[in-house]
Amino acid sequence: MTKLSFADKKSISALFMALSIICTVFAGIGSFYTDVVLASTQWILLAVLFAVWGLYLKLELKT
């Protein structure tokens, strides 16, 4: 098993945070207009999941 480099963790963390924002936008669209593939609550759960993983990788960068 290979370890991720500093640059890899930084870019993956930024990707997860961007995905979290996109999921939040889809949840908003689903709550006001029509569902986009998943229900709004499922998009919120994905947003939280991506945000937690993004923050975890950011904390790993400091150690």
C-alpha atoms as a PDB file:
ATOM      1  CA  MET A   1       0.000   0.000   0.000  1.00  0.00           C
ATOM      2  CA  THR A   2       1.412   3.368  -0.999  1.00  0.00           C
ATOM      3  CA  LYS A   3       1.149   6.558   1.007  1.00  0.00           C
ATOM      4  CA  LEU A   4      -0.264   9.691  -0.521  1.00  0.00           C
ATOM      5  CA  SER A   5       2.130  12.560  -1.033  1.00  0.00           C
ATOM      6  CA  PHE A   6       1.576  16.055   0.344  1.00  0.00           C
ATOM      7  CA  ALA A   7       0.413  17.371  -3.043  1.00  0.00           C
ATOM      8  CA  ASP A   8      -1.954  14.430  -3.519  1.00  0.00           C
ATOM      9  CA  LYS A   9      -3.585  14.974  -0.122  1.00  0.00           C
ATOM     10  CA  LYS A  10      -3.918  18.680  -0.801  1.00  0.00           C
ATOM     11  CA  SER A  11      -5.581  18.203  -4.184  1.00  0.00           C
ATOM     12  CA  ILE A  12      -7.859  15.389  -2.991  1.00  0.00           C
ATOM     13  CA  SER A  13      -8.901  17.494   0.001  1.00  0.00           C
ATOM     14  CA  ALA A  14      -9.784  20.389  -2.304  1.00  0.00           C
ATOM     15  CA  LEU A  15     -11.706  18.013  -4.578  1.00  0.00           C
ATOM     16  CA  PHE A  16     -13.728  16.629  -1.658  1.00  0.00           C
ATOM     17  CA  MET A  17     -14.580  20.134  -0.471  1.00  0.00           C
ATOM     18  CA  ALA A  18     -15.683  21.120  -3.984  1.00  0.00           C
ATOM     19  CA  LEU A  19     -17.815  17.982  -4.230  1.00  0.00           C
ATOM     20  CA  SER A  20     -19.372  18.888  -0.893  1.00  0.00           C
ATOM     21  CA  ILE A  21     -20.397  22.288  -2.234  1.00  0.00           C
ATOM     22  CA  ILE A  22     -21.773  20.744  -5.436  1.00  0.00           C
ATOM     23  CA  CYS A  23     -23.823  18.264  -3.400  1.00  0.00           C
ATOM     24  CA  THR A  24     -25.203  21.124  -1.332  1.00  0.00           C
ATOM     25  CA  VAL A  25     -26.239  22.960  -4.504  1.00  0.00           C
ATOM     26  CA  PHE A  26     -27.991  19.827  -5.793  1.00  0.00           C
ATOM     27  CA  ALA A  27     -29.797  19.520  -2.456  1.00  0.00           C
ATOM     28  CA  GLY A  28     -30.988  23.114  -2.774  1.00  0.00           C
ATOM     29  CA  ILE A  29     -32.176  22.540  -6.325  1.00  0.00           C
ATOM     30  CA  GLY A  30     -33.985  19.399  -5.204  1.00  0.00           C
ATOM     31  CA  SER A  31     -35.716  21.122  -2.322  1.00  0.00           C
ATOM     32  CA  PHE A  32     -37.035  24.051  -4.385  1.00  0.00           C
ATOM     33  CA  TYR A  33     -37.586  22.566  -7.856  1.00  0.00           C
ATOM     34  CA  THR A  34     -37.146  18.893  -8.673  1.00  0.00           C
ATOM     35  CA  ASP A  35     -34.860  16.142  -7.444  1.00  0.00           C
ATOM     36  CA  VAL A  36     -31.610  15.641  -9.337  1.00  0.00           C
ATOM     37  CA  VAL A  37     -31.066  11.848  -9.391  1.00  0.00           C
ATOM     38  CA  LEU A  38     -31.131  11.612  -5.550  1.00  0.00           C
ATOM     39  CA  ALA A  39     -33.442  13.092  -2.950  1.00  0.00           C
ATOM     40  CA  SER A  40     -32.348  16.300  -1.220  1.00  0.00           C
ATOM     41  CA  THR A  41     -31.638  14.557   2.074  1.00  0.00           C
ATOM     42  CA  GLN A  42     -29.358  12.110   0.303  1.00  0.00           C
ATOM     43  CA  TRP A  43     -27.444  14.989  -1.297  1.00  0.00           C
ATOM     44  CA  ILE A  44     -27.008  16.546   2.155  1.00  0.00           C
ATOM     45  CA  LEU A  45     -25.645  13.253   3.501  1.00  0.00           C
ATOM     46  CA  LEU A  46     -23.148  13.101   0.640  1.00  0.00           C
ATOM     47  CA  ALA A  47     -22.156  16.726   1.262  1.00  0.00           C
ATOM     48  CA  VAL A  48     -21.428  15.946   4.912  1.00  0.00           C
ATOM     49  CA  LEU A  49     -19.482  12.831   3.956  1.00  0.00           C
ATOM     50  CA  PHE A  50     -17.294  14.675   1.455  1.00  0.00           C
ATOM     51  CA  ALA A  51     -16.743  17.563   3.884  1.00  0.00           C
ATOM     52  CA  VAL A  52     -15.643  15.214   6.666  1.00  0.00           C
ATOM     53  CA  TRP A  53     -13.177  13.425   4.397  1.00  0.00           C
ATOM     54  CA  GLY A  54     -11.888  16.754   3.088  1.00  0.00           C
ATOM     55  CA  LEU A  55     -11.325  18.053   6.613  1.00  0.00           C
ATOM     56  CA  TYR A  56      -9.690  14.779   7.638  1.00  0.00           C
ATOM     57  CA  LEU A  57      -7.175  15.073   4.807  1.00  0.00           C
ATOM     58  CA  LYS A  58      -6.516  18.717   5.705  1.00  0.00           C
ATOM     59  CA  LEU A  59      -5.756  17.668   9.279  1.00  0.00           C
ATOM     60  CA  GLU A  60      -3.459  14.935   7.965  1.00  0.00           C
ATOM     61  CA  LEU A  61      -1.466  17.620   6.125  1.00  0.00           C
ATOM     62  CA  LYS A  62      -0.624  19.322   9.426  1.00  0.00           C
ATOM     63  CA  THR A  63       0.886  16.194  10.964  1.00  0.00           C
END
